């Protein structure tokens, strides 16, 4: 499994977590089939051809992958060389779904699949509005078979957003529809795409008008910037319309990625930069983290060069790296990562411990913990990591473990990572937030049990929604007065520190994923009144001594906390 680590684990390492295991997955309907077979006579080409060299390989793969994503069977990630998510594997899906193979995907095709799949998903609502407008029959659009709809979406995206030559787009998508469905489907694609070309050339594409009350404007904005209406209304309420539009534009732009040099294996950022220069991959040094490098393009080249497979680096957003800065792992620490899988933050924390201390990685998903463990070996940080497959809530109730630092990177809506997780916006409902808030509170209560007196609890999300962030912290502090806020200004740059001392990254302002973290300290003052008797004086004084050594101060300063 470590051989596919480059993409399957690290690229998805900061995806959002669902339940104690991240993320909440879209429910798959087992009755829904990807097969495009229809009853009755089939196209002669469909019956006889297994290898079709005339069909565009990247369009065939993109159409099938889009169907799999929409039906819950895949994520909108990059393709890598081998195994799951590879070009060979995707062509296998094409053969099983469409009944034929095309020529093999080359590097250009791989990049096009990534661009077209991601872009088509991001702009889905807008593309569907255009397709529906040109169909002139809402019923025909609503009842359109899945593969035909995906082919049209691809064609519309290529013409409207990628500005590809219209004659090539029309010809290739018509051929795909004819071969994979039937001649009549190709004729329909031909007619609709030609209408689109004429409207685009005359600058008269149909667009909704931004007018009316708040609801009407939210519906129009949801089409123009291709987001669910509930997200538009929520962001307009919290941020104002101007900032909400900027956020949606960020979400729709091609994402940039950060790679972390694996210091656990002795790799420095300079080593990584040298490798990128050899691969001719454009890059920028992170302004905030010493081990991180940003890339806008060329990630496919890095994957194919094997840098991730060798454990030299990991794909990890800077926003996630700054959460680790808030935890501030040190050699000799005892740390618990409560919802650890898939393990990006776990591995980064372990690399900062330099082989000293212990990091307990807890997650409910045994399979992903197994991958984390194998990855830790690849990164040469497994000496400090112990994996514990368990529901955090059950584990905390039955375990006597108390640690210096506890990280709860909680399951959340993922509203801060919509740029990279193109499909997530369509898989989230407003109702999910209520379920998640309840889960977040239960996990926070459980995580707090694992914090020793004087220890640190870090609560983090990759959400930008205050109900999942500040409001959850406030509710927790009301239930747990033994904790207090420890401002994060000592651990992250000033631009990321809120007025209340929390960490917050803003996608538009900081050009990275949106994230949040609160650093909370379990105080000792409340313990004093209940523990000051001769029977446990010795225990309490040992806590005083340990706290003083760790914080470089004496007992008097400790009692002021």
Protein backbone atom coordinates (compact mmCIF):
# COMPACT_ATOMS: atom_id res chain seq x y z
CA UNK A 1 0.00 0.00 0.00
CA UNK A 2 2.92 2.31 0.61
CA UNK A 3 3.52 2.20 -3.16
CA UNK A 4 0.36 4.23 -3.79
CA UNK A 5 0.93 6.45 -0.83
CA UNK A 6 1.94 9.34 -3.01
CA UNK A 7 -1.63 10.07 -3.96
CA UNK A 8 -4.06 7.94 -2.00
CA UNK A 9 -2.77 8.93 1.42
CA UNK A 10 -0.97 12.24 1.22
CA UNK A 11 -2.98 14.03 -1.38
CA UNK A 12 -6.09 13.16 0.62
CA UNK A 13 -4.41 13.70 3.98
CA UNK A 14 -6.27 16.95 4.65
CA UNK A 15 -9.62 15.90 3.43
CA UNK A 16 -12.30 16.34 5.95
CA UNK A 17 -13.13 13.71 8.45
CA UNK A 18 -16.49 12.21 8.93
CA UNK A 19 -17.54 10.49 12.06
CA UNK A 20 -14.40 9.90 14.01
CA UNK A 21 -13.00 8.95 10.61
CA UNK A 22 -12.83 11.64 7.95
CA UNK A 23 -14.75 12.60 5.76
CA UNK A 24 -18.51 12.05 5.73
CA UNK A 25 -19.08 10.08 2.58
CA UNK A 26 -21.86 10.49 0.12
CA UNK A 27 -24.31 7.62 0.42
CA UNK A 28 -24.03 5.31 -2.55
CA UNK A 29 -27.21 3.85 -3.97
CA UNK A 30 -26.48 0.19 -4.69
CA UNK A 31 -29.36 0.12 -7.15
CA UNK A 32 -27.65 2.69 -9.35
CA UNK A 33 -25.43 1.23 -12.04
CA UNK A 34 -22.65 2.81 -13.99
CA UNK A 35 -23.47 0.68 -16.98
CA UNK A 36 -24.67 2.54 -20.04
CA UNK A 37 -26.25 -0.55 -21.60
CA UNK A 38 -29.82 -0.07 -22.70
CA UNK A 39 -32.48 -2.57 -23.57
CA UNK A 40 -33.07 -3.17 -27.25
CA UNK A 41 -30.70 -3.03 -30.22
CA UNK A 42 -27.23 -1.61 -29.67
CA UNK A 43 -24.90 0.21 -32.00
CA UNK A 44 -22.95 -2.18 -34.26
CA UNK A 45 -19.76 -0.40 -33.19
CA UNK A 46 -20.63 -1.12 -29.56
CA UNK A 47 -20.96 -4.84 -30.24
CA UNK A 48 -17.78 -5.38 -32.20
CA UNK A 49 -15.19 -2.92 -30.91
CA UNK A 50 -13.01 -3.54 -27.88
CA UNK A 51 -10.22 -1.16 -28.88
CA UNK A 52 -11.27 2.14 -30.39
CA UNK A 53 -8.40 4.34 -31.49
CA UNK A 54 -10.68 7.10 -32.77
CA UNK A 55 -12.23 8.05 -29.42
CA UNK A 56 -10.39 10.64 -27.35
CA UNK A 57 -8.91 8.75 -24.36
CA UNK A 58 -9.02 11.65 -21.91
CA UNK A 59 -12.67 12.37 -22.71
CA UNK A 60 -13.71 8.74 -22.32
CA UNK A 61 -11.89 8.47 -18.98
CA UNK A 62 -13.26 11.84 -17.83
CA UNK A 63 -16.86 10.89 -18.65
CA UNK A 64 -16.68 7.59 -16.78
CA UNK A 65 -14.87 9.11 -13.81
CA UNK A 66 -17.47 11.88 -13.58
CA UNK A 67 -20.22 9.25 -13.45
CA UNK A 68 -18.37 7.36 -10.73
CA UNK A 69 -17.87 10.53 -8.68
CA UNK A 70 -21.50 11.60 -8.98
CA UNK A 71 -22.70 8.14 -7.99
CA UNK A 72 -20.37 7.97 -5.01
CA UNK A 73 -17.70 5.60 -6.27
CA UNK A 74 -14.68 7.88 -6.68
CA UNK A 75 -13.07 11.16 -5.66
CA UNK A 76 -12.02 14.00 -7.94
CA UNK A 77 -8.29 13.48 -7.40
CA UNK A 78 -5.29 13.44 -9.66
CA UNK A 79 -4.36 10.27 -11.50
CA UNK A 80 -1.04 8.62 -10.72
CA UNK A 81 1.00 6.00 -12.51
CA UNK A 82 -0.09 2.66 -11.11
CA UNK A 83 -2.73 0.95 -9.03
CA UNK A 84 -5.83 2.72 -7.74
CA UNK A 85 -6.45 6.04 -9.45
CA UNK A 86 -4.00 5.28 -12.27
CA UNK A 87 -4.48 5.72 -15.98
CA UNK A 88 -4.48 1.93 -16.50
CA UNK A 89 -7.04 1.44 -13.76
CA UNK A 90 -9.27 4.20 -15.14
CA UNK A 91 -9.13 2.66 -18.61
CA UNK A 92 -10.35 -0.55 -17.03
CA UNK A 93 -13.40 1.33 -15.77
CA UNK A 94 -13.93 2.67 -19.30
CA UNK A 95 -13.90 -0.84 -20.75
CA UNK A 96 -16.30 -2.21 -18.14
CA UNK A 97 -18.65 0.78 -18.45
CA UNK A 98 -18.56 1.61 -22.16
CA UNK A 99 -17.59 -1.76 -23.61
CA UNK A 100 -14.35 -0.66 -25.28
CA UNK A 101 -10.87 0.70 -24.59
CA UNK A 102 -9.15 3.63 -26.22
CA UNK A 103 -5.44 4.14 -26.71
CA UNK A 104 -3.44 4.47 -23.48
CA UNK A 105 -3.33 7.75 -21.60
CA UNK A 106 -0.11 9.73 -22.03
CA UNK A 107 1.12 12.47 -19.68
CA UNK A 108 -0.88 15.13 -21.50
CA UNK A 109 -4.03 13.02 -21.27
CA UNK A 110 -3.48 12.55 -17.52
CA UNK A 111 -3.25 16.30 -17.02
CA UNK A 112 -6.35 16.87 -19.14
CA UNK A 113 -8.36 14.32 -17.18
CA UNK A 114 -7.40 16.07 -13.95
CA UNK A 115 -8.28 19.50 -15.35
CA UNK A 116 -11.53 18.46 -17.01
CA UNK A 117 -12.86 16.33 -14.16
CA UNK A 118 -12.04 18.93 -11.51
CA UNK A 119 -13.33 21.85 -13.58
CA UNK A 120 -16.50 20.12 -14.71
CA UNK A 121 -17.37 19.25 -11.11
CA UNK A 122 -16.66 22.78 -9.85
CA UNK A 123 -18.75 24.40 -12.56
CA UNK A 124 -21.48 21.75 -12.61
CA UNK A 125 -24.37 24.01 -11.57
CA UNK A 126 -23.42 26.67 -14.11
CA UNK A 127 -22.90 24.10 -16.88
CA UNK A 128 -26.25 22.46 -16.13
CA UNK A 129 -27.93 25.87 -16.32
CA UNK A 130 -26.47 26.39 -19.79
CA UNK A 131 -27.35 22.87 -20.95
CA UNK A 132 -30.90 23.21 -19.65
CA UNK A 133 -31.28 26.59 -21.37
CA UNK A 134 -30.17 25.17 -24.71
CA UNK A 135 -32.32 22.04 -24.45
CA UNK A 136 -35.51 24.15 -24.47
CA UNK A 137 -37.18 21.26 -22.67
CA UNK A 138 -36.67 20.98 -18.95
CA UNK A 139 -38.11 17.47 -18.91
CA UNK A 140 -35.59 16.28 -21.51
CA UNK A 141 -32.75 17.71 -19.45
CA UNK A 142 -33.99 16.22 -16.18
CA UNK A 143 -34.44 12.78 -17.69
CA UNK A 144 -31.14 12.76 -19.58
CA UNK A 145 -29.16 9.55 -19.11
CA UNK A 146 -26.03 9.95 -16.96
CA UNK A 147 -23.37 9.32 -19.61
CA UNK A 148 -24.98 11.67 -22.14
CA UNK A 149 -25.16 14.40 -19.50
CA UNK A 150 -21.48 13.94 -18.58
CA UNK A 151 -20.44 14.15 -22.24
CA UNK A 152 -22.36 17.40 -22.63
CA UNK A 153 -20.88 18.81 -19.43
CA UNK A 154 -17.38 18.00 -20.69
CA UNK A 155 -18.07 19.66 -24.04
CA UNK A 156 -19.58 22.77 -22.42
CA UNK A 157 -16.67 23.07 -19.98
CA UNK A 158 -14.08 22.71 -22.74
CA UNK A 159 -15.74 25.38 -24.88
CA UNK A 160 -16.80 27.88 -22.21
CA UNK A 161 -14.03 27.60 -19.61
CA UNK A 162 -11.02 26.07 -21.36
CA UNK A 163 -11.49 27.88 -24.69
CA UNK A 164 -10.51 24.75 -26.63
CA UNK A 165 -11.00 24.85 -30.42
CA UNK A 166 -14.73 24.43 -30.85
CA UNK A 167 -14.53 22.23 -33.96
CA UNK A 168 -12.36 19.69 -32.12
CA UNK A 169 -14.56 19.70 -29.01
CA UNK A 170 -17.73 19.15 -31.02
CA UNK A 171 -16.21 16.43 -33.21
CA UNK A 172 -14.61 14.47 -30.34
CA UNK A 173 -17.61 14.56 -28.01
CA UNK A 174 -20.02 13.64 -30.81
CA UNK A 175 -17.85 10.62 -31.63
CA UNK A 176 -17.75 9.59 -27.95
CA UNK A 177 -21.56 9.80 -27.69
CA UNK A 178 -22.08 7.79 -30.89
CA UNK A 179 -19.64 5.03 -29.96
CA UNK A 180 -20.51 4.72 -26.29
CA UNK A 181 -24.28 5.23 -26.64
CA UNK A 182 -25.85 5.31 -30.12
CA UNK A 183 -25.87 7.50 -33.26
CA UNK A 184 -28.91 9.47 -32.10
CA UNK A 185 -27.10 10.54 -28.93
CA UNK A 186 -24.25 11.83 -31.05
CA UNK A 187 -26.66 13.84 -33.16
CA UNK A 188 -28.13 15.41 -30.02
CA UNK A 189 -24.66 16.32 -28.69
CA UNK A 190 -23.80 17.80 -32.09
CA UNK A 191 -26.87 20.04 -32.15
CA UNK A 192 -26.55 21.33 -28.59
CA UNK A 193 -22.78 21.97 -28.78
CA UNK A 194 -23.15 23.85 -32.06
CA UNK A 195 -25.79 26.08 -30.45
CA UNK A 196 -23.37 26.77 -27.61
CA UNK A 197 -20.57 27.70 -30.02
CA UNK A 198 -22.81 30.22 -31.81
CA UNK A 199 -23.93 31.80 -28.53
CA UNK A 200 -20.37 32.04 -27.22
CA UNK A 201 -19.07 33.58 -30.43
CA UNK A 202 -21.83 36.21 -30.31
CA UNK A 203 -21.20 36.81 -26.59
CA UNK A 204 -24.81 35.98 -25.76
CA UNK A 205 -24.62 33.03 -23.39
CA UNK A 206 -27.75 32.83 -21.19
CA UNK A 207 -27.08 34.07 -17.64
CA UNK A 208 -29.37 34.61 -14.64
CA UNK A 209 -29.95 38.19 -13.55
CA UNK A 210 -28.69 39.30 -10.14
CA UNK A 211 -31.85 41.00 -8.93
CA UNK A 212 -34.77 40.61 -6.53
CA UNK A 213 -34.70 39.77 -2.82
CA UNK A 214 -31.91 37.97 -0.96
CA UNK A 215 -33.21 34.54 -1.89
CA UNK A 216 -33.45 35.39 -5.59
CA UNK A 217 -29.96 36.89 -5.60
CA UNK A 218 -28.57 33.85 -3.79
CA UNK A 219 -30.08 31.57 -6.46
CA UNK A 220 -28.53 33.67 -9.22
CA UNK A 221 -25.13 33.75 -7.52
CA UNK A 222 -25.33 29.99 -6.97
CA UNK A 223 -25.60 29.54 -10.75
CA UNK A 224 -23.04 32.19 -11.73
CA UNK A 225 -20.40 30.85 -9.32
CA UNK A 226 -21.60 27.24 -9.22
CA UNK A 227 -22.20 26.57 -5.52
CA UNK A 228 -25.18 25.22 -3.56
CA UNK A 229 -27.70 27.91 -2.69
CA UNK A 230 -27.43 27.21 1.06
CA UNK A 231 -23.69 27.90 1.01
CA UNK A 232 -24.19 31.17 -0.88
CA UNK A 233 -26.81 32.35 1.62
CA UNK A 234 -24.68 31.32 4.59
CA UNK A 235 -21.53 33.06 3.34
CA UNK A 236 -23.44 36.17 2.30
CA UNK A 237 -24.84 36.35 5.81
CA UNK A 238 -21.48 35.85 7.58
CA UNK A 239 -19.12 37.58 5.14
CA UNK A 240 -21.20 39.93 3.02
CA UNK A 241 -21.89 39.47 -0.70
CA UNK A 242 -18.55 40.86 -1.94
CA UNK A 243 -16.43 38.54 0.22
CA UNK A 244 -18.72 35.61 -0.51
CA UNK A 245 -18.18 36.10 -4.25
CA UNK A 246 -14.39 36.26 -3.76
CA UNK A 247 -14.51 33.03 -1.76
CA UNK A 248 -16.50 31.27 -4.48
CA UNK A 249 -14.07 32.52 -7.13
CA UNK A 250 -11.20 31.08 -5.05
CA UNK A 251 -13.01 27.75 -4.78
CA UNK A 252 -13.46 27.65 -8.55
CA UNK A 253 -9.87 28.50 -9.42
CA UNK A 254 -7.30 25.80 -10.14
CA UNK A 255 -5.91 24.82 -6.72
CA UNK A 256 -2.30 25.17 -5.72
CA UNK A 257 -0.62 22.54 -3.55
CA UNK A 258 2.03 22.53 -0.86
CA UNK A 259 4.58 19.82 -0.32
CA UNK A 260 6.33 19.21 2.98
CA UNK A 261 9.93 18.04 3.01
CA UNK A 262 10.14 14.95 5.22
CA UNK A 263 12.61 15.97 7.92
CA UNK A 264 12.01 12.62 9.61
CA UNK A 265 14.00 11.10 6.76
CA UNK A 266 16.58 13.87 6.81
CA UNK A 267 15.16 15.68 3.77
CA UNK A 268 15.41 19.47 3.84
CA UNK A 269 13.44 22.02 1.88
CA UNK A 270 16.60 22.79 -0.08
CA UNK A 271 16.74 19.11 -1.12
CA UNK A 272 13.16 19.33 -2.31
CA UNK A 273 13.80 22.53 -4.25
CA UNK A 274 16.75 20.88 -6.01
CA UNK A 275 14.49 17.99 -7.08
CA UNK A 276 11.82 20.40 -8.36
CA UNK A 277 14.44 22.31 -10.36
CA UNK A 278 15.59 19.07 -11.98
CA UNK A 279 11.97 18.29 -12.88
CA UNK A 280 11.46 21.88 -14.09
CA UNK A 281 8.48 22.28 -11.76
CA UNK A 282 7.71 25.95 -10.94
CA UNK A 283 7.55 26.51 -7.18
CA UNK A 284 7.59 29.06 -4.38
CA UNK A 285 8.93 28.74 -0.86
CA UNK A 286 6.32 28.93 1.87
CA UNK A 287 6.39 32.25 3.66
CA UNK A 288 5.13 30.68 6.88
CA UNK A 289 6.67 27.21 7.31
CA UNK A 290 10.30 26.17 6.88
CA UNK A 291 9.59 22.68 5.50
CA UNK A 292 6.97 23.65 2.89
CA UNK A 293 7.10 24.47 -0.83
CA UNK A 294 4.16 25.62 -2.96
CA UNK A 295 3.46 24.40 -6.50
CA UNK A 296 0.69 25.61 -8.81
CA UNK A 297 1.48 23.24 -11.67
CA UNK A 298 3.63 20.16 -12.05
CA UNK A 299 2.28 17.99 -9.24
CA UNK A 300 1.72 15.19 -11.75
CA UNK A 301 5.44 15.32 -12.64
CA UNK A 302 6.38 15.11 -8.96
CA UNK A 303 4.13 12.08 -8.49
CA UNK A 304 5.51 10.34 -11.55
CA UNK A 305 9.10 11.05 -10.48
CA UNK A 306 8.43 8.97 -7.36
CA UNK A 307 9.28 11.65 -4.76
CA UNK A 308 6.19 10.78 -2.76
CA UNK A 309 6.59 7.01 -3.10
CA UNK A 310 10.11 7.30 -1.71
CA UNK A 311 8.85 9.21 1.32
CA UNK A 312 10.93 12.28 0.50
CA UNK A 313 7.94 14.59 0.81
CA UNK A 314 4.20 14.65 1.37
CA UNK A 315 1.39 16.71 -0.11
CA UNK A 316 0.10 18.77 2.79
CA UNK A 317 -1.52 22.18 2.82
CA UNK A 318 0.17 24.94 4.78
CA UNK A 319 -3.04 25.49 6.72
CA UNK A 320 -2.65 21.97 8.12
CA UNK A 321 1.02 22.55 8.82
CA UNK A 322 0.17 25.64 10.86
CA UNK A 323 -2.23 23.57 12.98
CA UNK A 324 0.76 21.38 13.86
CA UNK A 325 2.60 24.59 14.78
CA UNK A 326 -0.23 25.37 17.21
CA UNK A 327 0.24 21.95 18.82
CA UNK A 328 4.00 22.68 19.02
CA UNK A 329 5.24 19.06 19.29
CA UNK A 330 8.61 18.75 21.03
CA UNK A 331 11.03 15.84 21.58
CA UNK A 332 9.95 13.86 24.64
CA UNK A 333 6.29 14.90 24.46
CA UNK A 334 3.42 12.52 25.00
CA UNK A 335 0.85 13.41 22.30
CA UNK A 336 -2.53 12.00 21.29
CA UNK A 337 -3.91 12.58 17.79
CA UNK A 338 -7.56 11.77 18.33
CA UNK A 339 -8.93 11.39 14.79
CA UNK A 340 -5.63 10.65 13.14
CA UNK A 341 -6.37 9.01 9.77
CA UNK A 342 -5.32 9.50 7.08
CA UNK A 343 -2.34 10.81 9.03
CA UNK A 344 -0.91 13.98 7.51
CA UNK A 345 -0.70 15.86 10.81
CA UNK A 346 0.35 12.73 12.70
CA UNK A 347 3.37 12.25 10.46
CA UNK A 348 4.37 15.91 10.58
CA UNK A 349 4.16 15.96 14.39
CA UNK A 350 6.20 12.75 14.57
CA UNK A 351 8.92 14.27 12.38
CA UNK A 352 9.22 17.17 14.85
CA UNK A 353 9.78 14.83 17.80
CA UNK A 354 13.16 13.57 16.51
CA UNK A 355 12.61 10.02 17.73
CA UNK A 356 11.87 11.01 21.33
CA UNK A 357 8.50 10.73 23.06
CA UNK A 358 5.31 8.96 22.05
CA UNK A 359 2.49 9.85 19.66
CA UNK A 360 -0.74 7.86 19.98
CA UNK A 361 -2.75 7.88 16.73
CA UNK A 362 -6.39 7.01 17.40
CA UNK A 363 -8.97 6.44 14.67
CA UNK A 364 -12.08 4.36 14.21
CA UNK A 365 -11.00 3.23 10.73
CA UNK A 366 -8.64 0.26 11.06
CA UNK A 367 -7.80 0.16 7.36
CA UNK A 368 -6.67 3.77 7.22
CA UNK A 369 -4.70 3.37 10.43
CA UNK A 370 -2.90 0.43 8.84
CA UNK A 371 -1.94 2.65 5.90
CA UNK A 372 -0.81 5.35 8.34
CA UNK A 373 1.42 2.82 10.09
CA UNK A 374 2.98 1.70 6.81
CA UNK A 375 3.47 5.31 5.80
CA UNK A 376 5.18 6.09 9.10
CA UNK A 377 7.69 3.34 8.32
CA UNK A 378 8.29 4.80 4.87
CA UNK A 379 8.88 8.22 6.45
CA UNK A 380 11.06 6.70 9.18
CA UNK A 381 9.00 8.15 12.02
CA UNK A 382 7.31 4.92 13.14
CA UNK A 383 9.49 4.72 16.27
CA UNK A 384 7.34 7.29 18.08
CA UNK A 385 3.91 6.35 16.69
CA UNK A 386 1.49 3.88 18.26
CA UNK A 387 -1.77 3.32 16.37
CA UNK A 388 -4.96 2.63 18.32
CA UNK A 389 -8.05 1.53 16.35
CA UNK A 390 -10.95 2.78 18.44
CA UNK A 391 -13.84 5.20 18.66
CA UNK A 392 -12.38 8.09 20.64
CA UNK A 393 -15.48 8.36 22.82
CA UNK A 394 -15.24 4.73 23.92
CA UNK A 395 -11.47 4.86 24.30
CA UNK A 396 -11.47 7.95 26.52
CA UNK A 397 -14.02 6.48 28.92
CA UNK A 398 -12.04 3.30 29.51
CA UNK A 399 -8.41 4.48 29.27
CA UNK A 400 -6.21 6.01 31.95
CA UNK A 401 -3.90 7.62 29.38
CA UNK A 402 -3.07 11.27 30.14
CA UNK A 403 -0.89 13.22 27.71
CA UNK A 404 0.97 16.50 27.47
CA UNK A 405 -0.76 17.48 24.25
CA UNK A 406 -3.95 16.26 22.60
CA UNK A 407 -4.96 17.17 19.04
CA UNK A 408 -8.57 16.78 17.97
CA UNK A 409 -8.70 17.48 14.24
CA UNK A 410 -12.43 17.09 14.23
CA UNK A 411 -14.80 15.78 11.54
CA UNK A 412 -16.31 18.84 9.90
CA UNK A 413 -18.08 20.20 6.83
CA UNK A 414 -14.83 20.84 4.93
CA UNK A 415 -16.02 24.28 3.83
CA UNK A 416 -12.42 25.51 3.92
CA UNK A 417 -11.10 22.98 1.40
CA UNK A 418 -13.59 23.32 -1.46
CA UNK A 419 -10.87 24.47 -3.85
CA UNK A 420 -9.11 21.10 -3.66
CA UNK A 421 -12.17 18.95 -2.94
CA UNK A 422 -14.15 19.87 -6.04
CA UNK A 423 -16.87 17.29 -5.35
CA UNK A 424 -17.40 18.16 -1.70
CA UNK A 425 -19.65 21.16 -2.30
CA UNK A 426 -22.26 18.94 -3.94
CA UNK A 427 -22.09 16.28 -1.23
CA UNK A 428 -22.75 18.60 1.69
CA UNK A 429 -26.16 19.54 3.03
CA UNK A 430 -27.10 22.19 5.55
CA UNK A 431 -28.47 19.41 7.74
CA UNK A 432 -24.96 17.92 7.93
CA UNK A 433 -23.80 20.84 10.06
CA UNK A 434 -26.23 20.00 12.85
CA UNK A 435 -25.09 16.39 12.91
CA UNK A 436 -21.45 17.45 12.83
CA UNK A 437 -21.80 19.96 15.67
CA UNK A 438 -23.20 17.26 17.93
CA UNK A 439 -20.35 14.92 17.00
CA UNK A 440 -17.75 17.65 17.49
CA UNK A 441 -18.99 18.31 21.02
CA UNK A 442 -18.94 14.62 21.92
CA UNK A 443 -15.40 14.24 20.59
CA UNK A 444 -14.20 17.39 22.37
CA UNK A 445 -15.54 16.12 25.67
CA UNK A 446 -13.81 12.79 25.11
CA UNK A 447 -10.51 14.37 24.03
CA UNK A 448 -10.44 16.56 27.13
CA UNK A 449 -10.32 13.46 29.35
CA UNK A 450 -6.93 12.56 27.84
CA UNK A 451 -5.27 15.87 28.78
CA UNK A 452 -3.12 15.85 31.90
CA UNK A 453 -3.27 18.83 34.34
CA UNK A 454 -1.30 21.66 32.79
CA UNK A 455 -1.53 19.95 29.39
CA UNK A 456 -2.77 21.28 26.07
CA UNK A 457 -5.87 20.45 24.04
CA UNK A 458 -5.92 21.69 20.42
CA UNK A 459 -9.27 21.66 18.64
CA UNK A 460 -9.01 22.13 14.87
CA UNK A 461 -11.11 21.90 11.71
CA UNK A 462 -10.75 22.62 8.02
CA UNK A 463 -13.92 24.66 8.09
CA UNK A 464 -14.48 28.40 7.88
CA UNK A 465 -17.89 28.24 9.56
CA UNK A 466 -18.08 29.88 13.01
CA UNK A 467 -20.66 27.36 14.22
CA UNK A 468 -18.08 24.59 13.85
CA UNK A 469 -15.21 26.69 15.18
CA UNK A 470 -15.55 29.50 17.74
CA UNK A 471 -19.04 28.48 18.82
CA UNK A 472 -17.95 24.91 19.55
CA UNK A 473 -15.04 26.17 21.62
CA UNK A 474 -17.30 28.54 23.58
CA UNK A 475 -19.77 25.74 24.29
CA UNK A 476 -16.93 23.46 25.41
CA UNK A 477 -15.51 26.08 27.79
CA UNK A 478 -18.92 26.48 29.41
CA UNK A 479 -19.01 22.75 30.05
CA UNK A 480 -15.34 22.59 31.09
CA UNK A 481 -14.27 25.61 33.16
CA UNK A 482 -11.03 23.78 33.97
CA UNK A 483 -9.81 24.75 30.48
CA UNK A 484 -8.79 28.21 29.31
CA UNK A 485 -7.75 29.70 25.97
CA UNK A 486 -4.00 29.86 25.33
CA UNK A 487 -3.44 32.50 22.59
CA UNK A 488 -1.63 31.09 19.55
CA UNK A 489 0.45 34.19 18.81
CA UNK A 490 3.60 32.41 20.05
CA UNK A 491 3.18 29.63 17.50
CA UNK A 492 1.91 31.11 14.21
CA UNK A 493 2.48 34.41 12.33
CA UNK A 494 0.37 37.40 13.49
CA UNK A 495 -1.76 37.44 10.33
CA UNK A 496 -3.32 34.12 11.34
CA UNK A 497 -4.25 35.11 14.92
CA UNK A 498 -7.83 36.20 15.62
CA UNK A 499 -8.80 38.82 18.19
CA UNK A 500 -9.60 36.03 20.65
CA UNK A 501 -6.26 34.29 20.18
CA UNK A 502 -7.41 31.49 17.87
CA UNK A 503 -5.66 30.38 14.67
CA UNK A 504 -7.59 30.98 11.46
CA UNK A 505 -6.51 30.75 7.82
CA UNK A 506 -8.58 32.51 5.19
CA UNK A 507 -8.50 31.06 1.64
CA UNK A 508 -8.77 34.45 -0.09
CA UNK A 509 -6.49 36.37 2.26
CA UNK A 510 -3.78 33.73 2.76
CA UNK A 511 -4.04 31.75 -0.52
CA UNK A 512 -4.35 28.43 1.25
CA UNK A 513 -7.11 26.20 2.59
CA UNK A 514 -9.38 27.59 5.27
CA UNK A 515 -8.73 26.15 8.73
CA UNK A 516 -9.23 26.87 12.42
CA UNK A 517 -7.53 25.88 15.66
CA UNK A 518 -7.98 26.74 19.32
CA UNK A 519 -5.26 25.99 21.86
CA UNK A 520 -6.72 25.25 25.30
CA UNK A 521 -4.82 24.59 28.53
CA UNK A 522 -6.13 22.45 31.37
CA UNK A 523 -5.49 24.68 34.36
CA UNK A 524 -4.30 23.53 37.77
CA UNK A 525 -6.00 26.16 39.92
CA UNK A 526 -9.31 24.24 40.05
CA UNK A 527 -7.47 21.07 41.01
CA UNK A 528 -5.82 22.85 43.95
CA UNK A 529 -8.93 23.15 46.10
CA UNK A 530 -9.92 19.53 45.68
CA UNK A 531 -6.44 18.06 46.04
CA UNK A 532 -4.83 20.03 48.91
CA UNK A 533 -4.91 17.47 51.66
CA UNK A 534 -2.12 15.45 53.20
CA UNK A 535 -3.16 12.29 51.36
CA UNK A 536 -2.35 13.64 47.91
CA UNK A 537 0.04 16.53 48.65
CA UNK A 538 2.95 14.51 47.28
CA UNK A 539 1.12 13.87 44.00
CA UNK A 540 0.21 17.50 43.62
CA UNK A 541 3.75 18.72 44.31
CA UNK A 542 5.09 16.33 41.67
CA UNK A 543 2.70 17.98 39.19
CA UNK A 544 4.00 21.38 40.26
CA UNK A 545 7.58 20.30 39.67
CA UNK A 546 6.81 18.74 36.26
CA UNK A 547 4.90 21.80 35.10
CA UNK A 548 7.68 24.11 36.27
CA UNK A 549 10.36 22.18 34.42
CA UNK A 550 8.37 22.09 31.19
CA UNK A 551 7.44 25.77 31.28
CA UNK A 552 10.61 27.24 32.73
CA UNK A 553 8.89 28.87 35.71
CA UNK A 554 8.34 28.26 39.38
CA UNK A 555 5.35 27.11 41.41
CA UNK A 556 4.19 30.66 42.07
CA UNK A 557 3.82 31.41 38.35
CA UNK A 558 1.97 28.14 37.91
CA UNK A 559 -0.62 29.06 40.53
CA UNK A 560 -1.36 32.26 38.62
CA UNK A 561 -2.57 30.27 35.58
